[in-house]
Amino acid sequence: MEVVLLIEFEAAAPGRAALLERVGALALSGRGRLSFLGTAPGQAGGPGREVLAVGLARAAEATALVARWRDEGALPAGACVRPLAVQPLWSMEPLALMFP
């Protein structure tokens, strides 16, 4: 995965289902995957916010994909999209440290 799109929108916003359909199609084609979907509570009784993380195999595809989703109405109104470059990290699982 080269890039992760963080998409934040109002929890009750229409268009959530259309967005998840597009992400499902990406996963089926092998071009991306849903990393997580989280909900933050609203303040003072207001609606909460949802954050969706979509991993893409090719960073060059991200800008065009977001523009297409906006044109098709698949992004909820007022959605904020932030592309993040994925940095490779080396890590060792705790079990491997216990049993070298």
PDB file of N, CA and C in Angstrom:
ATOM      1  N   MET A   1       0.840  -1.163   0.000  1.00  0.00           N
ATOM      2  CA  MET A   1       0.000   0.000   0.000  1.00  0.00           C
ATOM      3  C   MET A   1       0.896   1.240   0.000  1.00  0.00           C
ATOM      4  N   GLU A   2       0.643   2.139  -0.891  1.00  0.00           N
ATOM      5  CA  GLU A   2       1.453   3.345  -1.004  1.00  0.00           C
ATOM      6  C   GLU A   2       0.829   4.552  -0.335  1.00  0.00           C
ATOM      7  N   VAL A   3      -0.505   4.613  -0.313  1.00  0.00           N
ATOM      8  CA  VAL A   3      -1.173   5.783   0.235  1.00  0.00           C
ATOM      9  C   VAL A   3      -2.439   5.353   0.968  1.00  0.00           C
ATOM     10  N   VAL A   4      -2.759   6.107   2.025  1.00  0.00           N
ATOM     11  CA  VAL A   4      -4.009   5.897   2.756  1.00  0.00           C
ATOM     12  C   VAL A   4      -4.805   7.191   2.639  1.00  0.00           C
ATOM     13  N   LEU A   5      -6.052   7.067   2.259  1.00  0.00           N
ATOM     14  CA  LEU A   5      -6.961   8.213   2.230  1.00  0.00           C
ATOM     15  C   LEU A   5      -7.742   8.225   3.531  1.00  0.00           C
ATOM     16  N   LEU A   6      -7.603   9.296   4.304  1.00  0.00           N
ATOM     17  CA  LEU A   6      -8.435   9.475   5.491  1.00  0.00           C
ATOM     18  C   LEU A   6      -9.604  10.352   5.076  1.00  0.00           C
ATOM     19  N   ILE A   7     -10.793   9.799   5.171  1.00  0.00           N
ATOM     20  CA  ILE A   7     -12.001  10.503   4.750  1.00  0.00           C
ATOM     21  C   ILE A   7     -12.854  10.731   5.987  1.00  0.00           C
ATOM     22  N   GLU A   8     -13.100  12.002   6.309  1.00  0.00           N
ATOM     23  CA  GLU A   8     -13.879  12.342   7.495  1.00  0.00           C
ATOM     24  C   GLU A   8     -15.145  13.071   7.074  1.00  0.00           C
ATOM     25  N   PHE A   9     -16.265  12.656   7.670  1.00  0.00           N
ATOM     26  CA  PHE A   9     -17.551  13.259   7.326  1.00  0.00           C
ATOM     27  C   PHE A   9     -18.506  13.112   8.498  1.00  0.00           C
ATOM     28  N   GLU A  10     -19.606  13.853   8.453  1.00  0.00           N
ATOM     29  CA  GLU A  10     -20.624  13.799   9.496  1.00  0.00           C
ATOM     30  C   GLU A  10     -21.239  12.399   9.526  1.00  0.00           C
ATOM     31  N   ALA A  11     -21.403  11.853  10.731  1.00  0.00           N
ATOM     32  CA  ALA A  11     -21.859  10.472  10.880  1.00  0.00           C
ATOM     33  C   ALA A  11     -23.224  10.221  10.243  1.00  0.00           C
ATOM     34  N   ALA A  12     -24.102  11.169  10.276  1.00  0.00           N
ATOM     35  CA  ALA A  12     -25.447  10.965   9.728  1.00  0.00           C
ATOM     36  C   ALA A  12     -25.542  11.384   8.264  1.00  0.00           C
ATOM     37  N   ALA A  13     -24.430  11.688   7.643  1.00  0.00           N
ATOM     38  CA  ALA A  13     -24.446  12.212   6.273  1.00  0.00           C
ATOM     39  C   ALA A  13     -24.925  11.167   5.269  1.00  0.00           C
ATOM     40  N   PRO A  14     -25.802  11.583   4.356  1.00  0.00           N
ATOM     41  CA  PRO A  14     -26.177  10.660   3.286  1.00  0.00           C
ATOM     42  C   PRO A  14     -24.974  10.468   2.362  1.00  0.00           C
ATOM     43  N   GLY A  15     -24.886   9.343   1.735  1.00  0.00           N
ATOM     44  CA  GLY A  15     -23.773   9.070   0.839  1.00  0.00           C
ATOM     45  C   GLY A  15     -22.780   8.079   1.418  1.00  0.00           C
ATOM     46  N   ARG A  16     -22.934   7.746   2.681  1.00  0.00           N
ATOM     47  CA  ARG A  16     -22.023   6.783   3.324  1.00  0.00           C
ATOM     48  C   ARG A  16     -22.066   5.434   2.619  1.00  0.00           C
ATOM     49  N   ALA A  17     -23.258   4.966   2.316  1.00  0.00           N
ATOM     50  CA  ALA A  17     -23.407   3.666   1.655  1.00  0.00           C
ATOM     51  C   ALA A  17     -22.756   3.666   0.274  1.00  0.00           C
ATOM     52  N   ALA A  18     -22.916   4.767  -0.466  1.00  0.00           N
ATOM     53  CA  ALA A  18     -22.304   4.862  -1.798  1.00  0.00           C
ATOM     54  C   ALA A  18     -20.782   4.832  -1.687  1.00  0.00           C
ATOM     55  N   LEU A  19     -20.244   5.493  -0.673  1.00  0.00           N
ATOM     56  CA  LEU A  19     -18.799   5.495  -0.476  1.00  0.00           C
ATOM     57  C   LEU A  19     -18.299   4.087  -0.155  1.00  0.00           C
ATOM     58  N   LEU A  20     -18.990   3.402   0.738  1.00  0.00           N
ATOM     59  CA  LEU A  20     -18.585   2.041   1.092  1.00  0.00           C
ATOM     60  C   LEU A  20     -18.698   1.087  -0.095  1.00  0.00           C
ATOM     61  N   GLU A  21     -19.651   1.316  -0.975  1.00  0.00           N
ATOM     62  CA  GLU A  21     -19.750   0.505  -2.205  1.00  0.00           C
ATOM     63  C   GLU A  21     -18.521   0.699  -3.078  1.00  0.00           C
ATOM     64  N   ARG A  22     -18.069   1.955  -3.207  1.00  0.00           N
ATOM     65  CA  ARG A  22     -16.879   2.246  -4.024  1.00  0.00           C
ATOM     66  C   ARG A  22     -15.635   1.595  -3.422  1.00  0.00           C
ATOM     67  N   VAL A  23     -15.538   1.635  -2.103  1.00  0.00           N
ATOM     68  CA  VAL A  23     -14.391   1.015  -1.426  1.00  0.00           C
ATOM     69  C   VAL A  23     -14.441  -0.499  -1.609  1.00  0.00           C
ATOM     70  N   GLY A  24     -15.625  -1.078  -1.546  1.00  0.00           N
ATOM     71  CA  GLY A  24     -15.768  -2.521  -1.785  1.00  0.00           C
ATOM     72  C   GLY A  24     -15.325  -2.911  -3.182  1.00  0.00           C
ATOM     73  N   ALA A  25     -15.677  -2.091  -4.158  1.00  0.00           N
ATOM     74  CA  ALA A  25     -15.258  -2.360  -5.540  1.00  0.00           C
ATOM     75  C   ALA A  25     -13.739  -2.283  -5.674  1.00  0.00           C
ATOM     76  N   LEU A  26     -13.120  -1.338  -4.976  1.00  0.00           N
ATOM     77  CA  LEU A  26     -11.654  -1.252  -4.983  1.00  0.00           C
ATOM     78  C   LEU A  26     -11.032  -2.527  -4.428  1.00  0.00           C
ATOM     79  N   ALA A  27     -11.592  -3.011  -3.325  1.00  0.00           N
ATOM     80  CA  ALA A  27     -11.057  -4.220  -2.704  1.00  0.00           C
ATOM     81  C   ALA A  27     -11.203  -5.422  -3.630  1.00  0.00           C
ATOM     82  N   LEU A  28     -12.352  -5.543  -4.272  1.00  0.00           N
ATOM     83  CA  LEU A  28     -12.567  -6.674  -5.186  1.00  0.00           C
ATOM     84  C   LEU A  28     -11.614  -6.645  -6.372  1.00  0.00           C
ATOM     85  N   SER A  29     -11.227  -5.448  -6.799  1.00  0.00           N
ATOM     86  CA  SER A  29     -10.311  -5.327  -7.934  1.00  0.00           C
ATOM     87  C   SER A  29      -8.847  -5.446  -7.512  1.00  0.00           C
ATOM     88  N   GLY A  30      -8.584  -5.480  -6.209  1.00  0.00           N
ATOM     89  CA  GLY A  30      -7.214  -5.587  -5.722  1.00  0.00           C
ATOM     90  C   GLY A  30      -6.454  -4.269  -5.727  1.00  0.00           C
ATOM     91  N   ARG A  31      -7.144  -3.163  -5.946  1.00  0.00           N
ATOM     92  CA  ARG A  31      -6.483  -1.850  -6.018  1.00  0.00           C
ATOM     93  C   ARG A  31      -6.494  -1.112  -4.686  1.00  0.00           C
ATOM     94  N   GLY A  32      -7.241  -1.606  -3.704  1.00  0.00           N
ATOM     95  CA  GLY A  32      -7.307  -0.930  -2.415  1.00  0.00           C
ATOM     96  C   GLY A  32      -8.029  -1.770  -1.395  1.00  0.00           C
ATOM     97  N   ARG A  33      -8.132  -1.216  -0.182  1.00  0.00           N
ATOM     98  CA  ARG A  33      -8.861  -1.931   0.877  1.00  0.00           C
ATOM     99  C   ARG A  33      -9.284  -0.961   1.970  1.00  0.00           C
ATOM    100  N   LEU A  34     -10.306  -1.339   2.682  1.00  0.00           N
ATOM    101  CA  LEU A  34     -10.768  -0.568   3.832  1.00  0.00           C
ATOM    102  C   LEU A  34      -9.878  -0.941   5.009  1.00  0.00           C
ATOM    103  N   SER A  35      -9.195   0.050   5.565  1.00  0.00           N
ATOM    104  CA  SER A  35      -8.320  -0.213   6.711  1.00  0.00           C
ATOM    105  C   SER A  35      -9.092  -0.130   8.019  1.00  0.00           C
ATOM    106  N   PHE A  36      -9.912   0.913   8.163  1.00  0.00           N
ATOM    107  CA  PHE A  36     -10.783   1.005   9.336  1.00  0.00           C
ATOM    108  C   PHE A  36     -11.862   2.046   9.107  1.00  0.00           C
ATOM    109  N   LEU A  37     -12.893   1.945   9.932  1.00  0.00           N
ATOM    110  CA  LEU A  37     -13.979   2.917   9.972  1.00  0.00           C
ATOM    111  C   LEU A  37     -14.238   3.195  11.443  1.00  0.00           C
ATOM    112  N   GLY A  38     -14.043   4.449  11.854  1.00  0.00           N
ATOM    113  CA  GLY A  38     -14.231   4.816  13.250  1.00  0.00           C
ATOM    114  C   GLY A  38     -15.209   5.964  13.378  1.00  0.00           C
ATOM    115  N   THR A  39     -15.840   6.057  14.545  1.00  0.00           N
ATOM    116  CA  THR A  39     -16.802   7.120  14.803  1.00  0.00           C
ATOM    117  C   THR A  39     -16.379   7.881  16.055  1.00  0.00           C
ATOM    118  N   ALA A  40     -16.335   9.202  15.933  1.00  0.00           N
ATOM    119  CA  ALA A  40     -16.043  10.076  17.073  1.00  0.00           C
ATOM    120  C   ALA A  40     -17.357  10.700  17.523  1.00  0.00           C
ATOM    121  N   PRO A  41     -17.593  10.756  18.830  1.00  0.00           N
ATOM    122  CA  PRO A  41     -18.841  11.355  19.302  1.00  0.00           C
ATOM    123  C   PRO A  41     -18.894  12.840  18.997  1.00  0.00           C
ATOM    124  N   GLY A  42     -20.105  13.336  18.823  1.00  0.00           N
ATOM    125  CA  GLY A  42     -20.300  14.763  18.575  1.00  0.00           C
ATOM    126  C   GLY A  42     -20.156  15.561  19.859  1.00  0.00           C
ATOM    127  N   GLN A  43     -19.983  16.849  19.719  1.00  0.00           N
ATOM    128  CA  GLN A  43     -19.864  17.725  20.874  1.00  0.00           C
ATOM    129  C   GLN A  43     -21.201  18.408  21.145  1.00  0.00           C
ATOM    130  N   ALA A  44     -21.551  18.518  22.400  1.00  0.00           N
ATOM    131  CA  ALA A  44     -22.766  19.217  22.846  1.00  0.00           C
ATOM    132  C   ALA A  44     -24.018  18.713  22.125  1.00  0.00           C
ATOM    133  N   GLY A  45     -24.123  17.408  22.009  1.00  0.00           N
ATOM    134  CA  GLY A  45     -25.314  16.825  21.400  1.00  0.00           C
ATOM    135  C   GLY A  45     -25.352  16.895  19.892  1.00  0.00           C
ATOM    136  N   GLY A  46     -24.313  17.400  19.273  1.00  0.00           N
ATOM    137  CA  GLY A  46     -24.260  17.467  17.807  1.00  0.00           C
ATOM    138  C   GLY A  46     -23.930  16.104  17.210  1.00  0.00           C
ATOM    139  N   PRO A  47     -24.046  16.000  15.899  1.00  0.00           N
ATOM    140  CA  PRO A  47     -23.750  14.715  15.264  1.00  0.00           C
ATOM    141  C   PRO A  47     -22.266  14.377  15.369  1.00  0.00           C
ATOM    142  N   GLY A  48     -21.980  13.099  15.420  1.00  0.00           N
ATOM    143  CA  GLY A  48     -20.605  12.646  15.476  1.00  0.00           C
ATOM    144  C   GLY A  48     -19.934  12.719  14.112  1.00  0.00           C
ATOM    145  N   ARG A  49     -18.680  12.332  14.066  1.00  0.00           N
ATOM    146  CA  ARG A  49     -17.913  12.318  12.826  1.00  0.00           C
ATOM    147  C   ARG A  49     -17.438  10.890  12.579  1.00  0.00           C
ATOM    148  N   GLU A  50     -17.434  10.494  11.329  1.00  0.00           N
ATOM    149  CA  GLU A  50     -16.887   9.201  10.955  1.00  0.00           C
ATOM    150  C   GLU A  50     -15.586   9.420  10.215  1.00  0.00           C
ATOM    151  N   VAL A  51     -14.636   8.545  10.458  1.00  0.00           N
ATOM    152  CA  VAL A  51     -13.360   8.569   9.760  1.00  0.00           C
ATOM    153  C   VAL A  51     -13.171   7.212   9.113  1.00  0.00           C
ATOM    154  N   LEU A  52     -12.947   7.256   7.827  1.00  0.00           N
ATOM    155  CA  LEU A  52     -12.780   6.050   7.022  1.00  0.00           C
ATOM    156  C   LEU A  52     -11.360   6.073   6.468  1.00  0.00           C
ATOM    157  N   ALA A  53     -10.627   4.988   6.617  1.00  0.00           N
ATOM    158  CA  ALA A  53      -9.273   4.901   6.069  1.00  0.00           C
ATOM    159  C   ALA A  53      -9.276   3.889   4.938  1.00  0.00           C
ATOM    160  N   VAL A  54      -8.888   4.361   3.756  1.00  0.00           N
ATOM    161  CA  VAL A  54      -8.865   3.516   2.564  1.00  0.00           C
ATOM    162  C   VAL A  54      -7.427   3.437   2.072  1.00  0.00           C
ATOM    163  N   GLY A  55      -6.883   2.238   2.052  1.00  0.00           N
ATOM    164  CA  GLY A  55      -5.529   2.042   1.542  1.00  0.00           C
ATOM    165  C   GLY A  55      -5.556   1.776   0.053  1.00  0.00           C
ATOM    166  N   LEU A  56      -4.672   2.459  -0.672  1.00  0.00           N
ATOM    167  CA  LEU A  56      -4.578   2.282  -2.124  1.00  0.00           C
ATOM    168  C   LEU A  56      -3.216   1.725  -2.491  1.00  0.00           C
ATOM    169  N   ALA A  57      -3.202   0.836  -3.457  1.00  0.00           N
ATOM    170  CA  ALA A  57      -1.954   0.224  -3.893  1.00  0.00           C
ATOM    171  C   ALA A  57      -1.064   1.200  -4.655  1.00  0.00           C
ATOM    172  N   ARG A  58      -1.686   2.165  -5.350  1.00  0.00           N
ATOM    173  CA  ARG A  58      -0.908   3.118  -6.154  1.00  0.00           C
ATOM    174  C   ARG A  58      -1.265   4.554  -5.764  1.00  0.00           C
ATOM    175  N   ALA A  59      -0.246   5.294  -5.325  1.00  0.00           N
ATOM    176  CA  ALA A  59      -0.466   6.680  -4.898  1.00  0.00           C
ATOM    177  C   ALA A  59      -0.928   7.560  -6.050  1.00  0.00           C
ATOM    178  N   ALA A  60      -0.479   7.269  -7.250  1.00  0.00           N
ATOM    179  CA  ALA A  60      -0.834   8.091  -8.407  1.00  0.00           C
ATOM    180  C   ALA A  60      -2.334   8.060  -8.681  1.00  0.00           C
ATOM    181  N   GLU A  61      -3.004   7.065  -8.219  1.00  0.00           N
ATOM    182  CA  GLU A  61      -4.438   6.900  -8.459  1.00  0.00           C
ATOM    183  C   GLU A  61      -5.307   7.717  -7.495  1.00  0.00           C
ATOM    184  N   ALA A  62      -4.755   8.145  -6.369  1.00  0.00           N
ATOM    185  CA  ALA A  62      -5.544   8.744  -5.292  1.00  0.00           C
ATOM    186  C   ALA A  62      -6.282  10.010  -5.710  1.00  0.00           C
ATOM    187  N   THR A  63      -5.611  10.953  -6.334  1.00  0.00           N
ATOM    188  CA  THR A  63      -6.229  12.228  -6.688  1.00  0.00           C
ATOM    189  C   THR A  63      -7.372  12.038  -7.672  1.00  0.00           C
ATOM    190  N   ALA A  64      -7.146  11.245  -8.696  1.00  0.00           N
ATOM    191  CA  ALA A  64      -8.191  11.001  -9.695  1.00  0.00           C
ATOM    192  C   ALA A  64      -9.373  10.255  -9.085  1.00  0.00           C
ATOM    193  N   LEU A  65      -9.091   9.339  -8.193  1.00  0.00           N
ATOM    194  CA  LEU A  65     -10.146   8.560  -7.555  1.00  0.00           C
ATOM    195  C   LEU A  65     -11.047   9.461  -6.707  1.00  0.00           C
ATOM    196  N   VAL A  66     -10.449  10.340  -5.911  1.00  0.00           N
ATOM    197  CA  VAL A  66     -11.232  11.253  -5.066  1.00  0.00           C
ATOM    198  C   VAL A  66     -12.062  12.194  -5.938  1.00  0.00           C
ATOM    199  N   ALA A  67     -11.473  12.702  -7.011  1.00  0.00           N
ATOM    200  CA  ALA A  67     -12.212  13.597  -7.919  1.00  0.00           C
ATOM    201  C   ALA A  67     -13.399  12.862  -8.547  1.00  0.00           C
ATOM    202  N   ARG A  68     -13.195  11.617  -8.946  1.00  0.00           N
ATOM    203  CA  ARG A  68     -14.289  10.840  -9.539  1.00  0.00           C
ATOM    204  C   ARG A  68     -15.395  10.586  -8.521  1.00  0.00           C
ATOM    205  N   TRP A  69     -15.020  10.231  -7.298  1.00  0.00           N
ATOM    206  CA  TRP A  69     -16.022   9.996  -6.262  1.00  0.00           C
ATOM    207  C   TRP A  69     -16.815  11.261  -5.978  1.00  0.00           C
ATOM    208  N   ARG A  70     -16.164  12.413  -5.981  1.00  0.00           N
ATOM    209  CA  ARG A  70     -16.880  13.685  -5.759  1.00  0.00           C
ATOM    210  C   ARG A  70     -17.857  13.943  -6.906  1.00  0.00           C
ATOM    211  N   ASP A  71     -17.404  13.740  -8.149  1.00  0.00           N
ATOM    212  CA  ASP A  71     -18.262  13.949  -9.320  1.00  0.00           C
ATOM    213  C   ASP A  71     -19.468  13.020  -9.304  1.00  0.00           C
ATOM    214  N   GLU A  72     -19.269  11.792  -8.847  1.00  0.00           N
ATOM    215  CA  GLU A  72     -20.354  10.805  -8.819  1.00  0.00           C
ATOM    216  C   GLU A  72     -21.265  10.977  -7.610  1.00  0.00           C
ATOM    217  N   GLY A  73     -20.910  11.859  -6.684  1.00  0.00           N
ATOM    218  CA  GLY A  73     -21.710  12.044  -5.473  1.00  0.00           C
ATOM    219  C   GLY A  73     -21.506  10.936  -4.449  1.00  0.00           C
ATOM    220  N   ALA A  74     -20.410  10.180  -4.575  1.00  0.00           N
ATOM    221  CA  ALA A  74     -20.155   9.074  -3.654  1.00  0.00           C
ATOM    222  C   ALA A  74     -19.518   9.535  -2.351  1.00  0.00           C
ATOM    223  N   LEU A  75     -18.975  10.753  -2.324  1.00  0.00           N
ATOM    224  CA  LEU A  75     -18.444  11.296  -1.075  1.00  0.00           C
ATOM    225  C   LEU A  75     -19.539  12.110  -0.399  1.00  0.00           C
ATOM    226  N   PRO A  76     -19.750  11.896   0.890  1.00  0.00           N
ATOM    227  CA  PRO A  76     -20.756  12.699   1.589  1.00  0.00           C
ATOM    228  C   PRO A  76     -20.423  14.195   1.489  1.00  0.00           C
ATOM    229  N   ALA A  77     -21.447  15.023   1.462  1.00  0.00           N
ATOM    230  CA  ALA A  77     -21.253  16.474   1.392  1.00  0.00           C
ATOM    231  C   ALA A  77     -20.402  16.937   2.567  1.00  0.00           C
ATOM    232  N   GLY A  78     -19.444  17.791   2.304  1.00  0.00           N
ATOM    233  CA  GLY A  78     -18.582  18.309   3.350  1.00  0.00           C
ATOM    234  C   GLY A  78     -17.490  17.358   3.801  1.00  0.00           C
ATOM    235  N   ALA A  79     -17.307  16.257   3.081  1.00  0.00           N
ATOM    236  CA  ALA A  79     -16.266  15.300   3.459  1.00  0.00           C
ATOM    237  C   ALA A  79     -14.884  15.914   3.264  1.00  0.00           C
ATOM    238  N   CYS A  80     -14.022  15.662   4.223  1.00  0.00           N
ATOM    239  CA  CYS A  80     -12.630  16.105   4.159  1.00  0.00           C
ATOM    240  C   CYS A  80     -11.781  14.873   3.838  1.00  0.00           C
ATOM    241  N   VAL A  81     -10.959  14.971   2.796  1.00  0.00           N
ATOM    242  CA  VAL A  81     -10.128  13.838   2.379  1.00  0.00           C
ATOM    243  C   VAL A  81      -8.667  14.243   2.504  1.00  0.00           C
ATOM    244  N   ARG A  82      -7.910  13.437   3.240  1.00  0.00           N
ATOM    245  CA  ARG A  82      -6.481  13.685   3.415  1.00  0.00           C
ATOM    246  C   ARG A  82      -5.691  12.475   2.949  1.00  0.00           C
ATOM    247  N   PRO A  83      -4.889  12.617   1.894  1.00  0.00           N
ATOM    248  CA  PRO A  83      -4.033  11.505   1.482  1.00  0.00           C
ATOM    249  C   PRO A  83      -2.757  11.472   2.331  1.00  0.00           C
ATOM    250  N   LEU A  84      -2.400  10.299   2.804  1.00  0.00           N
ATOM    251  CA  LEU A  84      -1.195  10.134   3.611  1.00  0.00           C
ATOM    252  C   LEU A  84      -0.297   9.097   2.950  1.00  0.00           C
ATOM    253  N   ALA A  85       0.949   9.455   2.702  1.00  0.00           N
ATOM    254  CA  ALA A  85       1.907   8.496   2.155  1.00  0.00           C
ATOM    255  C   ALA A  85       2.251   7.484   3.242  1.00  0.00           C
ATOM    256  N   VAL A  86       2.270   6.222   2.881  1.00  0.00           N
ATOM    257  CA  VAL A  86       2.564   5.163   3.836  1.00  0.00           C
ATOM    258  C   VAL A  86       4.081   4.986   3.910  1.00  0.00           C
ATOM    259  N   GLN A  87       4.595   5.031   5.123  1.00  0.00           N
ATOM    260  CA  GLN A  87       6.023   4.850   5.350  1.00  0.00           C
ATOM    261  C   GLN A  87       6.274   3.421   5.830  1.00  0.00           C
ATOM    262  N   PRO A  88       7.200   2.719   5.209  1.00  0.00           N
ATOM    263  CA  PRO A  88       7.487   1.344   5.651  1.00  0.00           C
ATOM    264  C   PRO A  88       8.155   1.350   7.026  1.00  0.00           C
ATOM    265  N   LEU A  89       7.721   0.465   7.882  1.00  0.00           N
ATOM    266  CA  LEU A  89       8.293   0.330   9.221  1.00  0.00           C
ATOM    267  C   LEU A  89       8.692  -1.114   9.444  1.00  0.00           C
ATOM    268  N   TRP A  90       9.772  -1.290  10.126  1.00  0.00           N
ATOM    269  CA  TRP A  90      10.181  -2.634  10.507  1.00  0.00           C
ATOM    270  C   TRP A  90       9.746  -2.846  11.937  1.00  0.00           C
ATOM    271  N   SER A  91       9.110  -3.947  12.186  1.00  0.00           N
ATOM    272  CA  SER A  91       8.738  -4.256  13.563  1.00  0.00           C
ATOM    273  C   SER A  91       8.821  -5.755  13.772  1.00  0.00           C
ATOM    274  N   MET A  92       9.045  -6.121  14.989  1.00  0.00           N
ATOM    275  CA  MET A  92       9.109  -7.537  15.317  1.00  0.00           C
ATOM    276  C   MET A  92       7.970  -7.848  16.270  1.00  0.00           C
ATOM    277  N   GLU A  93       7.296  -8.903  16.000  1.00  0.00           N
ATOM    278  CA  GLU A  93       6.189  -9.312  16.854  1.00  0.00           C
ATOM    279  C   GLU A  93       6.732  -9.784  18.204  1.00  0.00           C
ATOM    280  N   PRO A  94       6.012  -9.523  19.295  1.00  0.00           N
ATOM    281  CA  PRO A  94       6.490  -9.928  20.625  1.00  0.00           C
ATOM    282  C   PRO A  94       6.776 -11.419  20.735  1.00  0.00           C
ATOM    283  N   LEU A  95       6.013 -12.252  20.076  1.00  0.00           N
ATOM    284  CA  LEU A  95       6.216 -13.688  20.156  1.00  0.00           C
ATOM    285  C   LEU A  95       7.569 -14.071  19.581  1.00  0.00           C
ATOM    286  N   ALA A  96       7.986 -13.434  18.503  1.00  0.00           N
ATOM    287  CA  ALA A  96       9.282 -13.721  17.898  1.00  0.00           C
ATOM    288  C   ALA A  96      10.426 -13.308  18.829  1.00  0.00           C
ATOM    289  N   LEU A  97      10.217 -12.269  19.621  1.00  0.00           N
ATOM    290  CA  LEU A  97      11.243 -11.861  20.571  1.00  0.00           C
ATOM    291  C   LEU A  97      11.399 -12.868  21.706  1.00  0.00           C
ATOM    292  N   MET A  98      10.312 -13.517  22.104  1.00  0.00           N
ATOM    293  CA  MET A  98      10.354 -14.494  23.190  1.00  0.00           C
ATOM    294  C   MET A  98      10.959 -15.808  22.731  1.00  0.00           C
ATOM    295  N   PHE A  99      10.770 -16.175  21.475  1.00  0.00           N
ATOM    296  CA  PHE A  99      11.243 -17.457  20.943  1.00  0.00           C
ATOM    297  C   PHE A  99      12.111 -17.220  19.715  1.00  0.00           C
ATOM    298  N   PRO A 100      13.369 -16.813  19.896  1.00  0.00           N
ATOM    299  CA  PRO A 100      14.213 -16.493  18.721  1.00  0.00           C
ATOM    300  C   PRO A 100      14.566 -17.699  17.877  1.00  0.00           C
TER     301      PRO A 100
END
